[in-house]
Amino acid sequence: MAEETLTQATETQQDKPTKMKCPCCGEMTLNRPPDIKSAVLDEYMASIISGVPFAHTYTIYSTVDITVSVLSKQQSRTMYVTLQMLDKLIKSHNIADSKLLASLSELYGCLQLYSAIPMIRTYKDKRLQKEFTPSQIVFESCDKLLKLQHAIEVYFDPEVAVLEDADNIDVLEALNAIYADCCNEEELSSLPDVMLRAIVRTHNDIYNILMETGFDANFWKGIELA
């Protein structure tokens, strides 16, 4: 279903040229955006008008609905800072515990993947069986990690100055708790990561194509550069 949606979103008229005239030089040098004939375009336009990040629901096996969304600006900032912190920690060589290192690496991948999946619903006999909210869990974990940022830096890097008002936090216990809460199939679903990554990648491809449609003939009409 995800591949079918991408095919619909990128459907073009074969007899149309792939290039269009540039208003600056008058030559056929501009790439012609795809002529989308899909309800996905309506969803995209609705997201722009409402100011809500573009989301679409993909169905697999006819019984599982997976909603994928582009991150909001605030979510993107939160995810960037959190992943930067984890990446620095993983590469710091200050972690001697290989099990903890593996957990942090798995947590990194989990945050990156499930941040874009606000909802997973499973059905049986057309009745809702289970509902998961992965991105909510992911961003709750991000908030917990960011609150621990200084304590984590102090614990793994002796050169970091300890703040006078720093709480006495058991960093290892806190990290293990965050990992256990976030990387949990009962909360995220048991769908294979490789399948979810393919669906998220499809959604990102569709989003990029939809953005390109804005640069159509109407955009370039009347533009004259000396």
C-alpha atoms as a PDB file:
ATOM      1  CA  MET A   1       0.000   0.000   0.000  1.00  0.00           C
ATOM      2  CA  ALA A   2       2.845   2.370   0.751  1.00  0.00           C
ATOM      3  CA  GLU A   3       4.442   1.741  -2.650  1.00  0.00           C
ATOM      4  CA  GLU A   4       1.024   2.153  -4.306  1.00  0.00           C
ATOM      5  CA  THR A   5       0.588   5.542  -2.655  1.00  0.00           C
ATOM      6  CA  LEU A   6       4.007   6.649  -3.867  1.00  0.00           C
ATOM      7  CA  THR A   7       3.129   5.470  -7.394  1.00  0.00           C
ATOM      8  CA  GLN A   8      -0.114   7.444  -7.328  1.00  0.00           C
ATOM      9  CA  ALA A   9       1.628  10.535  -5.982  1.00  0.00           C
ATOM     10  CA  THR A  10       4.259  10.496  -8.737  1.00  0.00           C
ATOM     11  CA  GLU A  11       1.931   9.678 -11.638  1.00  0.00           C
ATOM     12  CA  THR A  12       2.698  11.901 -14.635  1.00  0.00           C
ATOM     13  CA  GLN A  13       1.498  12.219 -18.217  1.00  0.00           C
ATOM     14  CA  GLN A  14       4.015  10.357 -20.350  1.00  0.00           C
ATOM     15  CA  ASP A  15       3.559  12.682 -23.311  1.00  0.00           C
ATOM     16  CA  LYS A  16       4.554  15.728 -21.256  1.00  0.00           C
ATOM     17  CA  PRO A  17       8.140  16.954 -21.593  1.00  0.00           C
ATOM     18  CA  THR A  18      10.312  16.595 -18.512  1.00  0.00           C
ATOM     19  CA  LYS A  19      11.610  20.150 -18.906  1.00  0.00           C
ATOM     20  CA  MET A  20       9.912  23.535 -19.065  1.00  0.00           C
ATOM     21  CA  LYS A  21      11.038  26.969 -20.205  1.00  0.00           C
ATOM     22  CA  CYS A  22      13.065  29.063 -17.782  1.00  0.00           C
ATOM     23  CA  PRO A  23      11.778  32.674 -17.606  1.00  0.00           C
ATOM     24  CA  CYS A  24      15.340  33.931 -17.137  1.00  0.00           C
ATOM     25  CA  CYS A  25      17.103  32.439 -20.146  1.00  0.00           C
ATOM     26  CA  GLY A  26      14.155  31.283 -22.239  1.00  0.00           C
ATOM     27  CA  GLU A  27      15.599  27.788 -22.553  1.00  0.00           C
ATOM     28  CA  MET A  28      13.992  24.462 -21.598  1.00  0.00           C
ATOM     29  CA  THR A  29      16.161  23.990 -18.508  1.00  0.00           C
ATOM     30  CA  LEU A  30      13.730  23.786 -15.556  1.00  0.00           C
ATOM     31  CA  ASN A  31      12.613  20.395 -14.302  1.00  0.00           C
ATOM     32  CA  ARG A  32       8.855  20.005 -14.655  1.00  0.00           C
ATOM     33  CA  PRO A  33       7.274  19.000 -11.317  1.00  0.00           C
ATOM     34  CA  PRO A  34       5.210  15.789 -11.247  1.00  0.00           C
ATOM     35  CA  ASP A  35       1.526  16.062 -12.115  1.00  0.00           C
ATOM     36  CA  ILE A  36       0.070  14.505  -8.979  1.00  0.00           C
ATOM     37  CA  LYS A  37      -3.315  12.837  -9.273  1.00  0.00           C
ATOM     38  CA  SER A  38      -3.905  11.616  -5.768  1.00  0.00           C
ATOM     39  CA  ALA A  39      -5.866  12.418  -2.599  1.00  0.00           C
ATOM     40  CA  VAL A  40      -2.458  12.723  -0.969  1.00  0.00           C
ATOM     41  CA  LEU A  41      -2.123  16.177  -2.541  1.00  0.00           C
ATOM     42  CA  ASP A  42      -5.369  17.243  -0.843  1.00  0.00           C
ATOM     43  CA  GLU A  43      -3.999  16.033   2.496  1.00  0.00           C
ATOM     44  CA  TYR A  44      -0.796  17.956   1.903  1.00  0.00           C
ATOM     45  CA  MET A  45      -2.621  21.175   1.026  1.00  0.00           C
ATOM     46  CA  ALA A  46      -4.862  20.764   4.079  1.00  0.00           C
ATOM     47  CA  SER A  47      -1.766  20.446   6.263  1.00  0.00           C
ATOM     48  CA  ILE A  48      -0.341  23.687   4.846  1.00  0.00           C
ATOM     49  CA  ILE A  49      -3.588  25.576   5.388  1.00  0.00           C
ATOM     50  CA  SER A  50      -4.071  24.274   8.936  1.00  0.00           C
ATOM     51  CA  GLY A  51      -0.417  24.552   9.941  1.00  0.00           C
ATOM     52  CA  VAL A  52      -0.324  20.895  10.961  1.00  0.00           C
ATOM     53  CA  PRO A  53       2.633  18.711   9.840  1.00  0.00           C
ATOM     54  CA  PHE A  54       1.828  16.606   6.773  1.00  0.00           C
ATOM     55  CA  ALA A  55       0.750  13.087   7.740  1.00  0.00           C
ATOM     56  CA  HIS A  56      -0.596  10.108   5.839  1.00  0.00           C
ATOM     57  CA  THR A  57      -1.828   6.672   6.890  1.00  0.00           C
ATOM     58  CA  TYR A  58      -0.423   3.623   5.111  1.00  0.00           C
ATOM     59  CA  THR A  59      -2.128   0.223   5.262  1.00  0.00           C
ATOM     60  CA  ILE A  60      -0.261  -3.091   5.183  1.00  0.00           C
ATOM     61  CA  TYR A  61      -1.671  -6.627   5.215  1.00  0.00           C
ATOM     62  CA  SER A  62      -5.110  -4.955   5.046  1.00  0.00           C
ATOM     63  CA  THR A  63      -5.153  -5.069   8.850  1.00  0.00           C
ATOM     64  CA  VAL A  64      -2.488  -2.617  10.031  1.00  0.00           C
ATOM     65  CA  ASP A  65      -2.677   1.167   9.661  1.00  0.00           C
ATOM     66  CA  ILE A  66       0.569   3.096  10.119  1.00  0.00           C
ATOM     67  CA  THR A  67       0.358   6.888  10.305  1.00  0.00           C
ATOM     68  CA  VAL A  68       3.583   8.675   9.394  1.00  0.00           C
ATOM     69  CA  SER A  69       4.087  12.398   9.902  1.00  0.00           C
ATOM     70  CA  VAL A  70       6.675  15.015   9.056  1.00  0.00           C
ATOM     71  CA  LEU A  71       8.098  16.417  12.287  1.00  0.00           C
ATOM     72  CA  SER A  72       7.086  19.893  13.400  1.00  0.00           C
ATOM     73  CA  LYS A  73       9.858  22.473  13.780  1.00  0.00           C
ATOM     74  CA  GLN A  74       9.818  22.084  17.558  1.00  0.00           C
ATOM     75  CA  GLN A  75       9.939  18.290  17.286  1.00  0.00           C
ATOM     76  CA  SER A  76      12.804  18.525  14.805  1.00  0.00           C
ATOM     77  CA  ARG A  77      14.787  20.727  17.176  1.00  0.00           C
ATOM     78  CA  THR A  78      14.114  18.419  20.125  1.00  0.00           C
ATOM     79  CA  MET A  79      15.094  15.341  18.119  1.00  0.00           C
ATOM     80  CA  TYR A  80      18.249  16.978  16.758  1.00  0.00           C
ATOM     81  CA  VAL A  81      19.511  18.021  20.197  1.00  0.00           C
ATOM     82  CA  THR A  82      18.692  14.621  21.724  1.00  0.00           C
ATOM     83  CA  LEU A  83      20.368  12.625  18.958  1.00  0.00           C
ATOM     84  CA  GLN A  84      23.413  14.896  19.059  1.00  0.00           C
ATOM     85  CA  MET A  85      23.722  14.255  22.779  1.00  0.00           C
ATOM     86  CA  LEU A  86      23.403  10.489  22.371  1.00  0.00           C
ATOM     87  CA  ASP A  87      25.803  10.418  19.424  1.00  0.00           C
ATOM     88  CA  LYS A  88      28.415  12.330  21.409  1.00  0.00           C
ATOM     89  CA  LEU A  89      27.944   9.974  24.343  1.00  0.00           C
ATOM     90  CA  ILE A  90      28.201   6.838  22.208  1.00  0.00           C
ATOM     91  CA  LYS A  91      31.387   8.070  20.506  1.00  0.00           C
ATOM     92  CA  SER A  92      33.021   9.441  23.650  1.00  0.00           C
ATOM     93  CA  HIS A  93      34.855   6.180  24.545  1.00  0.00           C
ATOM     94  CA  ASN A  94      34.037   6.893  28.196  1.00  0.00           C
ATOM     95  CA  ILE A  95      31.554   4.019  28.433  1.00  0.00           C
ATOM     96  CA  ALA A  96      33.221   0.785  29.472  1.00  0.00           C
ATOM     97  CA  ASP A  97      29.968  -1.186  29.762  1.00  0.00           C
ATOM     98  CA  SER A  98      29.353  -2.774  26.345  1.00  0.00           C
ATOM     99  CA  LYS A  99      25.760  -3.615  27.271  1.00  0.00           C
ATOM    100  CA  LEU A 100      24.997   0.016  28.077  1.00  0.00           C
ATOM    101  CA  LEU A 101      26.684   1.118  24.857  1.00  0.00           C
ATOM    102  CA  ALA A 102      24.515  -1.301  22.867  1.00  0.00           C
ATOM    103  CA  SER A 103      21.412  -0.032  24.657  1.00  0.00           C
ATOM    104  CA  LEU A 104      22.257   3.588  23.867  1.00  0.00           C
ATOM    105  CA  SER A 105      22.855   2.717  20.208  1.00  0.00           C
ATOM    106  CA  GLU A 106      19.504   0.930  20.034  1.00  0.00           C
ATOM    107  CA  LEU A 107      17.830   3.870  21.776  1.00  0.00           C
ATOM    108  CA  TYR A 108      19.353   6.239  19.197  1.00  0.00           C
ATOM    109  CA  GLY A 109      17.882   4.221  16.323  1.00  0.00           C
ATOM    110  CA  CYS A 110      14.546   3.866  18.086  1.00  0.00           C
ATOM    111  CA  LEU A 111      14.186   7.613  18.622  1.00  0.00           C
ATOM    112  CA  GLN A 112      15.128   8.333  15.030  1.00  0.00           C
ATOM    113  CA  LEU A 113      12.644   5.859  13.539  1.00  0.00           C
ATOM    114  CA  TYR A 114       9.573   6.103  15.754  1.00  0.00           C
ATOM    115  CA  SER A 115       9.601   9.902  16.092  1.00  0.00           C
ATOM    116  CA  ALA A 116       7.859  10.020  12.695  1.00  0.00           C
ATOM    117  CA  ILE A 117       5.163   7.467  13.574  1.00  0.00           C
ATOM    118  CA  PRO A 118       2.397   9.001  15.713  1.00  0.00           C
ATOM    119  CA  MET A 119      -0.006   6.078  15.382  1.00  0.00           C
ATOM    120  CA  ILE A 120      -0.136   2.360  14.627  1.00  0.00           C
ATOM    121  CA  ARG A 121      -3.486   0.569  14.681  1.00  0.00           C
ATOM    122  CA  THR A 122      -4.087  -3.151  14.235  1.00  0.00           C
ATOM    123  CA  TYR A 123      -7.426  -4.652  13.257  1.00  0.00           C
ATOM    124  CA  LYS A 124      -9.085  -8.052  13.313  1.00  0.00           C
ATOM    125  CA  ASP A 125     -12.368  -8.712  11.522  1.00  0.00           C
ATOM    126  CA  LYS A 126     -12.446  -4.951  10.837  1.00  0.00           C
ATOM    127  CA  ARG A 127     -12.433  -4.201  14.563  1.00  0.00           C
ATOM    128  CA  LEU A 128      -9.714  -2.227  16.283  1.00  0.00           C
ATOM    129  CA  GLN A 129      -7.532  -4.577  18.321  1.00  0.00           C
ATOM    130  CA  LYS A 130      -4.619  -2.456  19.475  1.00  0.00           C
ATOM    131  CA  GLU A 131      -3.466   1.144  19.215  1.00  0.00           C
ATOM    132  CA  PHE A 132       0.122   2.308  19.635  1.00  0.00           C
ATOM    133  CA  THR A 133       1.438   5.883  19.909  1.00  0.00           C
ATOM    134  CA  PRO A 134       5.200   5.528  19.247  1.00  0.00           C
ATOM    135  CA  SER A 135       6.118   9.187  18.675  1.00  0.00           C
ATOM    136  CA  GLN A 136       4.503  10.223  21.954  1.00  0.00           C
ATOM    137  CA  ILE A 137       6.663   7.719  23.818  1.00  0.00           C
ATOM    138  CA  VAL A 138       9.732   8.818  21.866  1.00  0.00           C
ATOM    139  CA  PHE A 139       9.361  12.503  22.686  1.00  0.00           C
ATOM    140  CA  GLU A 140       8.639  11.741  26.325  1.00  0.00           C
ATOM    141  CA  SER A 141      11.957   9.869  26.345  1.00  0.00           C
ATOM    142  CA  CYS A 142      13.648  12.852  24.667  1.00  0.00           C
ATOM    143  CA  ASP A 143      12.380  15.154  27.411  1.00  0.00           C
ATOM    144  CA  LYS A 144      13.720  12.791  30.074  1.00  0.00           C
ATOM    145  CA  LEU A 145      17.114  12.572  28.362  1.00  0.00           C
ATOM    146  CA  LEU A 146      17.432  16.328  27.952  1.00  0.00           C
ATOM    147  CA  LYS A 147      16.612  16.881  31.622  1.00  0.00           C
ATOM    148  CA  LEU A 148      19.454  14.482  32.447  1.00  0.00           C
ATOM    149  CA  GLN A 149      21.893  16.037  29.976  1.00  0.00           C
ATOM    150  CA  HIS A 150      24.196  17.731  32.499  1.00  0.00           C
ATOM    151  CA  ALA A 151      24.091  14.793  34.921  1.00  0.00           C
ATOM    152  CA  ILE A 152      25.026  12.466  32.048  1.00  0.00           C
ATOM    153  CA  GLU A 153      27.907  14.702  30.967  1.00  0.00           C
ATOM    154  CA  VAL A 154      29.216  14.912  34.524  1.00  0.00           C
ATOM    155  CA  TYR A 155      28.978  11.150  35.027  1.00  0.00           C
ATOM    156  CA  PHE A 156      30.817  10.163  31.845  1.00  0.00           C
ATOM    157  CA  ASP A 157      33.214  13.105  31.577  1.00  0.00           C
ATOM    158  CA  PRO A 158      35.165  14.043  34.739  1.00  0.00           C
ATOM    159  CA  GLU A 159      36.242  17.338  33.182  1.00  0.00           C
ATOM    160  CA  VAL A 160      32.689  18.681  33.148  1.00  0.00           C
ATOM    161  CA  ALA A 161      32.065  21.001  36.082  1.00  0.00           C
ATOM    162  CA  VAL A 162      29.378  19.918  38.532  1.00  0.00           C
ATOM    163  CA  LEU A 163      26.635  22.480  39.070  1.00  0.00           C
ATOM    164  CA  GLU A 164      26.104  23.478  42.701  1.00  0.00           C
ATOM    165  CA  ASP A 165      22.386  22.834  42.500  1.00  0.00           C
ATOM    166  CA  ALA A 166      22.727  19.573  40.571  1.00  0.00           C
ATOM    167  CA  ASP A 167      20.489  16.800  41.798  1.00  0.00           C
ATOM    168  CA  ASN A 168      21.958  13.560  43.029  1.00  0.00           C
ATOM    169  CA  ILE A 169      20.858  11.348  40.145  1.00  0.00           C
ATOM    170  CA  ASP A 170      21.708   7.716  39.477  1.00  0.00           C
ATOM    171  CA  VAL A 171      22.572   8.214  35.813  1.00  0.00           C
ATOM    172  CA  LEU A 172      22.929   4.544  34.888  1.00  0.00           C
ATOM    173  CA  GLU A 173      19.610   3.662  36.481  1.00  0.00           C
ATOM    174  CA  ALA A 174      17.922   6.579  34.708  1.00  0.00           C
ATOM    175  CA  LEU A 175      19.378   5.651  31.301  1.00  0.00           C
ATOM    176  CA  ASN A 176      18.387   2.009  31.686  1.00  0.00           C
ATOM    177  CA  ALA A 177      14.866   3.067  32.679  1.00  0.00           C
ATOM    178  CA  ILE A 178      14.521   5.320  29.630  1.00  0.00           C
ATOM    179  CA  TYR A 179      15.785   2.538  27.385  1.00  0.00           C
ATOM    180  CA  ALA A 180      13.362   0.016  28.897  1.00  0.00           C
ATOM    181  CA  ASP A 181      10.393   2.369  28.524  1.00  0.00           C
ATOM    182  CA  CYS A 182      11.200   3.474  24.987  1.00  0.00           C
ATOM    183  CA  CYS A 183      12.554   0.333  23.296  1.00  0.00           C
ATOM    184  CA  ASN A 184       9.566  -1.754  24.266  1.00  0.00           C
ATOM    185  CA  GLU A 185       7.547  -3.797  21.756  1.00  0.00           C
ATOM    186  CA  GLU A 186       4.470  -3.604  23.956  1.00  0.00           C
ATOM    187  CA  GLU A 187       4.541   0.168  23.498  1.00  0.00           C
ATOM    188  CA  LEU A 188       5.900   0.473  19.942  1.00  0.00           C
ATOM    189  CA  SER A 189       4.342  -2.634  18.299  1.00  0.00           C
ATOM    190  CA  SER A 190       6.162  -5.739  17.110  1.00  0.00           C
ATOM    191  CA  LEU A 191       6.292  -4.670  13.454  1.00  0.00           C
ATOM    192  CA  PRO A 192       9.794  -5.172  11.978  1.00  0.00           C
ATOM    193  CA  ASP A 193      11.935  -2.040  11.983  1.00  0.00           C
ATOM    194  CA  VAL A 194      12.986  -2.676   8.382  1.00  0.00           C
ATOM    195  CA  MET A 195       9.337  -2.480   7.275  1.00  0.00           C
ATOM    196  CA  LEU A 196       8.683   0.689   9.256  1.00  0.00           C
ATOM    197  CA  ARG A 197      11.824   2.322   7.894  1.00  0.00           C
ATOM    198  CA  ALA A 198      10.640   1.588   4.340  1.00  0.00           C
ATOM    199  CA  ILE A 199       7.263   3.202   5.051  1.00  0.00           C
ATOM    200  CA  VAL A 200       8.833   6.267   6.672  1.00  0.00           C
ATOM    201  CA  ARG A 201      11.212   6.571   3.710  1.00  0.00           C
ATOM    202  CA  THR A 202       8.224   6.357   1.333  1.00  0.00           C
ATOM    203  CA  HIS A 203       6.468   9.127   3.239  1.00  0.00           C
ATOM    204  CA  ASN A 204       9.550  11.355   3.059  1.00  0.00           C
ATOM    205  CA  ASP A 205       9.827  10.715  -0.683  1.00  0.00           C
ATOM    206  CA  ILE A 206       6.173  11.685  -1.162  1.00  0.00           C
ATOM    207  CA  TYR A 207       6.670  14.818   0.930  1.00  0.00           C
ATOM    208  CA  ASN A 208       9.642  15.904  -1.199  1.00  0.00           C
ATOM    209  CA  ILE A 209       7.646  15.318  -4.386  1.00  0.00           C
ATOM    210  CA  LEU A 210       4.705  17.302  -3.036  1.00  0.00           C
ATOM    211  CA  MET A 211       6.987  20.227  -2.198  1.00  0.00           C
ATOM    212  CA  GLU A 212       8.360  20.175  -5.742  1.00  0.00           C
ATOM    213  CA  THR A 213       4.851  20.593  -7.174  1.00  0.00           C
ATOM    214  CA  GLY A 214       4.815  24.132  -5.782  1.00  0.00           C
ATOM    215  CA  PHE A 215       7.447  25.112  -8.340  1.00  0.00           C
ATOM    216  CA  ASP A 216       5.060  24.743 -11.266  1.00  0.00           C
ATOM    217  CA  ALA A 217       4.353  27.050 -14.194  1.00  0.00           C
ATOM    218  CA  ASN A 218       2.383  29.406 -11.943  1.00  0.00           C
ATOM    219  CA  PHE A 219       5.433  29.872  -9.716  1.00  0.00           C
ATOM    220  CA  TRP A 220       7.709  30.814 -12.613  1.00  0.00           C
ATOM    221  CA  LYS A 221       5.090  32.858 -14.478  1.00  0.00           C
ATOM    222  CA  GLY A 222       6.070  36.506 -14.733  1.00  0.00           C
ATOM    223  CA  ILE A 223       9.498  36.048 -13.179  1.00  0.00           C
ATOM    224  CA  GLU A 224      12.099  37.977 -15.134  1.00  0.00           C
ATOM    225  CA  LEU A 225      15.716  38.255 -14.109  1.00  0.00           C
ATOM    226  CA  ALA A 226      18.142  40.612 -15.851  1.00  0.00           C
END
